[in-house]
Amino acid sequence: MSLLKRALHAQATVWAVAGAALLVAPGWVVENLLRQPPLGESAWVRMLGAQSIGLSMLMVMVARRLKDLWWWAWAFELVSVSLALISVLNAAFGLAPGKSAVPWWLLAAGSLILAMAILWGLARAAQENPP
């Protein structure tokens, strides 16, 4: 269980920091960090930031009650794998000509690393405390 707990706390930290950045400075994150075209409307990016912070809070809540709720971490696994897949597809096929794919590959790699950590933690948790 300790591995899953550490993975959830690590991912919660990443989601909270990313969410706060998107909430506070969506234009800077999208245009400078991700090197995407300027935003016309940043409200949807701010909403994503708020949702990221909320998701990180749920991760911490599950981590604190891990003995009873460890299997809830599958929801976070789904989000991590989906984010990695979307990032890979965007980097490979969705960018405008001349746009750098590096930020998208880095996002995919980071998401995949966090997904693997949670998956490994889930496997260990299932052995220690079967559903």
N, C-alpha and C. Protein backbone atom coordinates (compact mmCIF):
# COMPACT_ATOMS: atom_id res chain seq x y z
N MET A 1 0.82 -1.20 0.00
CA MET A 1 0.00 0.00 0.00
C MET A 1 0.86 1.27 0.00
N SER A 2 2.03 1.19 0.58
CA SER A 2 2.86 2.40 0.67
C SER A 2 3.29 2.89 -0.70
N LEU A 3 3.54 1.97 -1.63
CA LEU A 3 3.92 2.37 -2.98
C LEU A 3 2.78 3.13 -3.66
N LEU A 4 1.57 2.62 -3.55
CA LEU A 4 0.42 3.29 -4.13
C LEU A 4 0.19 4.65 -3.47
N LYS A 5 0.38 4.70 -2.17
CA LYS A 5 0.20 5.96 -1.44
C LYS A 5 1.20 7.02 -1.93
N ARG A 6 2.45 6.61 -2.09
CA ARG A 6 3.46 7.55 -2.59
C ARG A 6 3.16 7.99 -4.02
N ALA A 7 2.70 7.05 -4.86
CA ALA A 7 2.38 7.38 -6.24
C ALA A 7 1.20 8.36 -6.29
N LEU A 8 0.20 8.13 -5.46
CA LEU A 8 -0.96 9.04 -5.44
C LEU A 8 -0.56 10.43 -4.95
N HIS A 9 0.28 10.50 -3.94
CA HIS A 9 0.73 11.80 -3.44
C HIS A 9 1.57 12.52 -4.50
N ALA A 10 2.43 11.78 -5.20
CA ALA A 10 3.25 12.40 -6.24
C ALA A 10 2.37 12.93 -7.37
N GLN A 11 1.42 12.12 -7.80
CA GLN A 11 0.55 12.57 -8.87
C GLN A 11 -0.34 13.73 -8.42
N ALA A 12 -0.81 13.68 -7.18
CA ALA A 12 -1.63 14.78 -6.66
C ALA A 12 -0.84 16.09 -6.66
N THR A 13 0.42 16.02 -6.33
CA THR A 13 1.27 17.21 -6.33
C THR A 13 1.40 17.77 -7.74
N VAL A 14 1.67 16.89 -8.70
CA VAL A 14 1.81 17.32 -10.09
C VAL A 14 0.52 17.96 -10.59
N TRP A 15 -0.62 17.31 -10.31
CA TRP A 15 -1.91 17.83 -10.77
C TRP A 15 -2.24 19.16 -10.09
N ALA A 16 -1.94 19.29 -8.81
CA ALA A 16 -2.24 20.54 -8.10
C ALA A 16 -1.40 21.69 -8.64
N VAL A 17 -0.11 21.44 -8.86
CA VAL A 17 0.77 22.50 -9.38
C VAL A 17 0.35 22.89 -10.80
N ALA A 18 0.10 21.88 -11.64
CA ALA A 18 -0.33 22.16 -13.01
C ALA A 18 -1.68 22.88 -13.02
N GLY A 19 -2.58 22.44 -12.17
CA GLY A 19 -3.89 23.08 -12.09
C GLY A 19 -3.80 24.52 -11.64
N ALA A 20 -2.96 24.77 -10.65
CA ALA A 20 -2.79 26.15 -10.17
C ALA A 20 -2.20 27.03 -11.27
N ALA A 21 -1.24 26.50 -12.01
CA ALA A 21 -0.64 27.27 -13.10
C ALA A 21 -1.68 27.59 -14.18
N LEU A 22 -2.50 26.59 -14.53
CA LEU A 22 -3.54 26.81 -15.54
C LEU A 22 -4.61 27.78 -15.04
N LEU A 23 -4.90 27.72 -13.77
CA LEU A 23 -5.92 28.59 -13.19
C LEU A 23 -5.45 30.04 -13.13
N VAL A 24 -4.20 30.24 -12.75
CA VAL A 24 -3.67 31.58 -12.54
C VAL A 24 -3.14 32.22 -13.83
N ALA A 25 -2.43 31.44 -14.63
CA ALA A 25 -1.78 32.00 -15.82
C ALA A 25 -1.99 31.12 -17.04
N PRO A 26 -3.23 30.97 -17.50
CA PRO A 26 -3.48 30.05 -18.61
C PRO A 26 -2.77 30.43 -19.90
N GLY A 27 -2.73 31.72 -20.21
CA GLY A 27 -2.08 32.17 -21.44
C GLY A 27 -0.60 31.86 -21.43
N TRP A 28 0.07 32.14 -20.33
CA TRP A 28 1.50 31.89 -20.23
C TRP A 28 1.79 30.40 -20.37
N VAL A 29 1.02 29.53 -19.69
CA VAL A 29 1.25 28.09 -19.76
C VAL A 29 1.07 27.59 -21.19
N VAL A 30 -0.04 27.97 -21.80
CA VAL A 30 -0.35 27.46 -23.14
C VAL A 30 0.61 28.02 -24.18
N GLU A 31 0.86 29.31 -24.14
CA GLU A 31 1.67 29.94 -25.18
C GLU A 31 3.17 29.74 -24.98
N ASN A 32 3.66 29.88 -23.75
CA ASN A 32 5.10 29.80 -23.51
C ASN A 32 5.57 28.39 -23.16
N LEU A 33 4.87 27.73 -22.26
CA LEU A 33 5.31 26.41 -21.83
C LEU A 33 4.99 25.34 -22.87
N LEU A 34 3.76 25.36 -23.39
CA LEU A 34 3.36 24.35 -24.37
C LEU A 34 3.58 24.81 -25.82
N ARG A 35 3.96 26.08 -25.99
CA ARG A 35 4.27 26.65 -27.31
C ARG A 35 3.12 26.47 -28.30
N GLN A 36 1.93 26.77 -27.84
CA GLN A 36 0.74 26.68 -28.66
C GLN A 36 0.31 28.08 -29.09
N PRO A 37 -0.55 28.18 -30.10
CA PRO A 37 -1.02 29.50 -30.55
C PRO A 37 -1.73 30.24 -29.42
N PRO A 38 -1.76 31.56 -29.48
CA PRO A 38 -2.43 32.34 -28.43
C PRO A 38 -3.89 31.91 -28.25
N LEU A 39 -4.32 31.96 -27.00
CA LEU A 39 -5.69 31.60 -26.68
C LEU A 39 -6.64 32.72 -27.06
N GLY A 40 -7.76 32.36 -27.62
CA GLY A 40 -8.79 33.36 -27.85
C GLY A 40 -9.56 33.59 -26.55
N GLU A 41 -9.92 32.52 -25.92
CA GLU A 41 -10.68 32.55 -24.67
C GLU A 41 -10.00 31.59 -23.70
N SER A 42 -9.67 32.09 -22.53
CA SER A 42 -8.92 31.25 -21.58
C SER A 42 -9.80 30.62 -20.51
N ALA A 43 -11.09 30.84 -20.56
CA ALA A 43 -11.96 30.31 -19.52
C ALA A 43 -11.91 28.78 -19.46
N TRP A 44 -11.86 28.12 -20.62
CA TRP A 44 -11.84 26.66 -20.61
C TRP A 44 -10.54 26.12 -20.02
N VAL A 45 -9.45 26.84 -20.20
CA VAL A 45 -8.18 26.41 -19.61
C VAL A 45 -8.21 26.62 -18.10
N ARG A 46 -8.80 27.71 -17.65
CA ARG A 46 -8.97 27.94 -16.21
C ARG A 46 -9.86 26.86 -15.59
N MET A 47 -10.91 26.45 -16.32
CA MET A 47 -11.78 25.37 -15.83
C MET A 47 -10.99 24.08 -15.68
N LEU A 48 -10.13 23.80 -16.64
CA LEU A 48 -9.27 22.62 -16.57
C LEU A 48 -8.36 22.70 -15.34
N GLY A 49 -7.85 23.90 -15.05
CA GLY A 49 -7.02 24.09 -13.87
C GLY A 49 -7.78 23.81 -12.59
N ALA A 50 -9.01 24.29 -12.51
CA ALA A 50 -9.84 24.04 -11.33
C ALA A 50 -10.13 22.55 -11.19
N GLN A 51 -10.41 21.88 -12.30
CA GLN A 51 -10.67 20.44 -12.25
C GLN A 51 -9.42 19.67 -11.84
N SER A 52 -8.27 20.11 -12.28
CA SER A 52 -7.01 19.45 -11.91
C SER A 52 -6.77 19.55 -10.41
N ILE A 53 -7.05 20.71 -9.85
CA ILE A 53 -6.90 20.87 -8.40
C ILE A 53 -7.89 19.98 -7.66
N GLY A 54 -9.13 19.92 -8.13
CA GLY A 54 -10.12 19.04 -7.52
C GLY A 54 -9.73 17.58 -7.61
N LEU A 55 -9.19 17.17 -8.76
CA LEU A 55 -8.73 15.79 -8.92
C LEU A 55 -7.59 15.48 -7.96
N SER A 56 -6.69 16.43 -7.79
CA SER A 56 -5.58 16.20 -6.86
C SER A 56 -6.07 16.04 -5.43
N MET A 57 -7.11 16.79 -5.07
CA MET A 57 -7.69 16.66 -3.73
C MET A 57 -8.31 15.27 -3.53
N LEU A 58 -8.96 14.76 -4.57
CA LEU A 58 -9.51 13.40 -4.48
C LEU A 58 -8.41 12.36 -4.35
N MET A 59 -7.30 12.57 -5.04
CA MET A 59 -6.16 11.64 -4.92
C MET A 59 -5.65 11.59 -3.48
N VAL A 60 -5.54 12.74 -2.87
CA VAL A 60 -5.08 12.79 -1.48
C VAL A 60 -6.09 12.12 -0.55
N MET A 61 -7.36 12.35 -0.80
CA MET A 61 -8.40 11.73 0.03
C MET A 61 -8.33 10.20 -0.08
N VAL A 62 -8.17 9.68 -1.29
CA VAL A 62 -8.06 8.23 -1.46
C VAL A 62 -6.78 7.73 -0.80
N ALA A 63 -5.69 8.46 -0.94
CA ALA A 63 -4.42 8.04 -0.33
C ALA A 63 -4.53 7.97 1.20
N ARG A 64 -5.29 8.87 1.79
CA ARG A 64 -5.44 8.86 3.25
C ARG A 64 -6.29 7.70 3.75
N ARG A 65 -7.21 7.21 2.94
CA ARG A 65 -8.07 6.08 3.32
C ARG A 65 -7.76 4.87 2.44
N LEU A 66 -6.49 4.69 2.13
CA LEU A 66 -6.07 3.72 1.13
C LEU A 66 -6.45 2.28 1.47
N LYS A 67 -6.41 1.92 2.73
CA LYS A 67 -6.72 0.54 3.11
C LYS A 67 -8.13 0.15 2.66
N ASP A 68 -9.07 1.09 2.75
CA ASP A 68 -10.45 0.81 2.36
C ASP A 68 -10.76 1.18 0.90
N LEU A 69 -10.04 2.16 0.36
CA LEU A 69 -10.41 2.72 -0.94
C LEU A 69 -9.35 2.55 -2.02
N TRP A 70 -8.40 1.63 -1.85
CA TRP A 70 -7.28 1.53 -2.79
C TRP A 70 -7.74 1.33 -4.23
N TRP A 71 -8.82 0.61 -4.43
CA TRP A 71 -9.28 0.30 -5.78
C TRP A 71 -9.84 1.53 -6.49
N TRP A 72 -10.13 2.61 -5.75
CA TRP A 72 -10.57 3.85 -6.39
C TRP A 72 -9.46 4.45 -7.24
N ALA A 73 -8.24 4.05 -6.98
CA ALA A 73 -7.11 4.59 -7.74
C ALA A 73 -7.18 4.20 -9.21
N TRP A 74 -8.03 3.23 -9.56
CA TRP A 74 -8.21 2.89 -10.98
C TRP A 74 -8.73 4.10 -11.76
N ALA A 75 -9.52 4.93 -11.14
CA ALA A 75 -10.01 6.14 -11.81
C ALA A 75 -8.86 7.06 -12.18
N PHE A 76 -7.88 7.18 -11.29
CA PHE A 76 -6.73 8.03 -11.56
C PHE A 76 -5.83 7.39 -12.62
N GLU A 77 -5.78 6.08 -12.62
CA GLU A 77 -5.03 5.36 -13.66
C GLU A 77 -5.64 5.65 -15.03
N LEU A 78 -6.95 5.62 -15.12
CA LEU A 78 -7.64 5.91 -16.38
C LEU A 78 -7.32 7.32 -16.86
N VAL A 79 -7.33 8.28 -15.96
CA VAL A 79 -7.02 9.66 -16.34
C VAL A 79 -5.57 9.77 -16.83
N SER A 80 -4.65 9.14 -16.14
CA SER A 80 -3.23 9.22 -16.52
C SER A 80 -2.97 8.58 -17.88
N VAL A 81 -3.52 7.40 -18.09
CA VAL A 81 -3.32 6.72 -19.37
C VAL A 81 -3.99 7.50 -20.51
N SER A 82 -5.17 8.03 -20.25
CA SER A 82 -5.86 8.83 -21.28
C SER A 82 -5.07 10.07 -21.63
N LEU A 83 -4.54 10.76 -20.63
CA LEU A 83 -3.74 11.95 -20.88
C LEU A 83 -2.50 11.61 -21.69
N ALA A 84 -1.84 10.51 -21.35
CA ALA A 84 -0.66 10.09 -22.11
C ALA A 84 -1.02 9.77 -23.56
N LEU A 85 -2.10 9.05 -23.76
CA LEU A 85 -2.53 8.67 -25.11
C LEU A 85 -2.90 9.91 -25.95
N ILE A 86 -3.66 10.81 -25.36
CA ILE A 86 -4.05 12.03 -26.08
C ILE A 86 -2.82 12.86 -26.43
N SER A 87 -1.87 12.95 -25.51
CA SER A 87 -0.64 13.71 -25.76
C SER A 87 0.18 13.09 -26.89
N VAL A 88 0.29 11.77 -26.91
CA VAL A 88 1.03 11.08 -27.97
C VAL A 88 0.36 11.31 -29.32
N LEU A 89 -0.95 11.14 -29.36
CA LEU A 89 -1.67 11.33 -30.61
C LEU A 89 -1.56 12.77 -31.11
N ASN A 90 -1.63 13.73 -30.19
CA ASN A 90 -1.50 15.13 -30.59
C ASN A 90 -0.09 15.41 -31.10
N ALA A 91 0.92 14.89 -30.40
CA ALA A 91 2.31 15.12 -30.83
C ALA A 91 2.57 14.48 -32.19
N ALA A 92 2.01 13.31 -32.42
CA ALA A 92 2.28 12.59 -33.65
C ALA A 92 1.45 13.08 -34.84
N PHE A 93 0.20 13.47 -34.59
CA PHE A 93 -0.69 13.74 -35.71
C PHE A 93 -1.44 15.07 -35.65
N GLY A 94 -1.45 15.75 -34.51
CA GLY A 94 -2.35 16.88 -34.36
C GLY A 94 -1.74 18.26 -34.41
N LEU A 95 -0.45 18.36 -34.52
CA LEU A 95 0.17 19.69 -34.47
C LEU A 95 0.21 20.35 -35.85
N ALA A 96 0.11 21.65 -35.82
CA ALA A 96 0.25 22.42 -37.06
C ALA A 96 1.70 22.34 -37.53
N PRO A 97 1.92 22.46 -38.83
CA PRO A 97 3.29 22.43 -39.35
C PRO A 97 4.17 23.48 -38.67
N GLY A 98 5.36 23.06 -38.31
CA GLY A 98 6.31 23.97 -37.67
C GLY A 98 6.19 24.09 -36.17
N LYS A 99 5.17 23.50 -35.58
CA LYS A 99 5.01 23.56 -34.13
C LYS A 99 5.82 22.44 -33.48
N SER A 100 6.41 22.74 -32.35
CA SER A 100 7.24 21.76 -31.64
C SER A 100 6.38 20.73 -30.92
N ALA A 101 6.76 19.48 -31.08
CA ALA A 101 6.06 18.39 -30.40
C ALA A 101 6.70 18.05 -29.07
N VAL A 102 7.83 18.65 -28.76
CA VAL A 102 8.57 18.32 -27.54
C VAL A 102 7.72 18.46 -26.27
N PRO A 103 7.00 19.56 -26.06
CA PRO A 103 6.20 19.64 -24.83
C PRO A 103 5.16 18.53 -24.73
N TRP A 104 4.60 18.13 -25.86
CA TRP A 104 3.58 17.08 -25.85
C TRP A 104 4.19 15.72 -25.56
N TRP A 105 5.39 15.46 -26.09
CA TRP A 105 6.07 14.20 -25.77
C TRP A 105 6.47 14.17 -24.30
N LEU A 106 6.89 15.31 -23.76
CA LEU A 106 7.23 15.36 -22.34
C LEU A 106 6.00 15.13 -21.46
N LEU A 107 4.88 15.73 -21.85
CA LEU A 107 3.63 15.50 -21.12
C LEU A 107 3.22 14.04 -21.19
N ALA A 108 3.36 13.44 -22.35
CA ALA A 108 3.03 12.01 -22.50
C ALA A 108 3.94 11.15 -21.64
N ALA A 109 5.23 11.44 -21.64
CA ALA A 109 6.17 10.65 -20.85
C ALA A 109 5.89 10.79 -19.35
N GLY A 110 5.66 12.02 -18.91
CA GLY A 110 5.35 12.23 -17.50
C GLY A 110 4.07 11.53 -17.08
N SER A 111 3.05 11.62 -17.92
CA SER A 111 1.78 10.95 -17.61
C SER A 111 1.95 9.44 -17.58
N LEU A 112 2.74 8.93 -18.50
CA LEU A 112 2.97 7.49 -18.53
C LEU A 112 3.75 7.01 -17.31
N ILE A 113 4.71 7.78 -16.88
CA ILE A 113 5.48 7.43 -15.68
C ILE A 113 4.56 7.39 -14.46
N LEU A 114 3.72 8.42 -14.32
CA LEU A 114 2.79 8.43 -13.20
C LEU A 114 1.78 7.29 -13.30
N ALA A 115 1.32 6.99 -14.51
CA ALA A 115 0.39 5.88 -14.71
C ALA A 115 1.03 4.55 -14.33
N MET A 116 2.30 4.36 -14.70
CA MET A 116 2.98 3.12 -14.36
C MET A 116 3.18 2.99 -12.86
N ALA A 117 3.48 4.11 -12.20
CA ALA A 117 3.64 4.08 -10.74
C ALA A 117 2.34 3.69 -10.05
N ILE A 118 1.23 4.26 -10.51
CA ILE A 118 -0.06 3.92 -9.92
C ILE A 118 -0.42 2.47 -10.23
N LEU A 119 -0.16 2.01 -11.45
CA LEU A 119 -0.47 0.63 -11.82
C LEU A 119 0.34 -0.35 -10.98
N TRP A 120 1.60 -0.05 -10.78
CA TRP A 120 2.44 -0.91 -9.95
C TRP A 120 1.92 -0.90 -8.51
N GLY A 121 1.56 0.27 -8.03
CA GLY A 121 0.98 0.37 -6.69
C GLY A 121 -0.33 -0.38 -6.56
N LEU A 122 -1.16 -0.32 -7.59
CA LEU A 122 -2.43 -1.06 -7.57
C LEU A 122 -2.18 -2.57 -7.55
N ALA A 123 -1.20 -3.01 -8.31
CA ALA A 123 -0.89 -4.45 -8.31
C ALA A 123 -0.43 -4.91 -6.93
N ARG A 124 0.42 -4.13 -6.33
CA ARG A 124 0.90 -4.47 -4.97
C ARG A 124 -0.23 -4.40 -3.95
N ALA A 125 -1.09 -3.39 -4.07
CA ALA A 125 -2.21 -3.24 -3.13
C ALA A 125 -3.19 -4.39 -3.27
N ALA A 126 -3.40 -4.86 -4.48
CA ALA A 126 -4.31 -5.99 -4.69
C ALA A 126 -3.79 -7.27 -4.05
N GLN A 127 -2.47 -7.42 -4.02
CA GLN A 127 -1.86 -8.58 -3.35
C GLN A 127 -1.98 -8.47 -1.83
N GLU A 128 -1.77 -7.27 -1.32
CA GLU A 128 -1.80 -7.06 0.13
C GLU A 128 -3.21 -7.07 0.69
N ASN A 129 -4.16 -6.54 -0.08
CA ASN A 129 -5.52 -6.37 0.42
C ASN A 129 -6.50 -6.65 -0.73
N PRO A 130 -6.79 -7.92 -1.03
CA PRO A 130 -7.67 -8.23 -2.16
C PRO A 130 -9.05 -7.60 -2.00
N PRO A 131 -9.67 -7.26 -3.14
CA PRO A 131 -11.00 -6.62 -3.05
C PRO A 131 -12.07 -7.57 -2.50
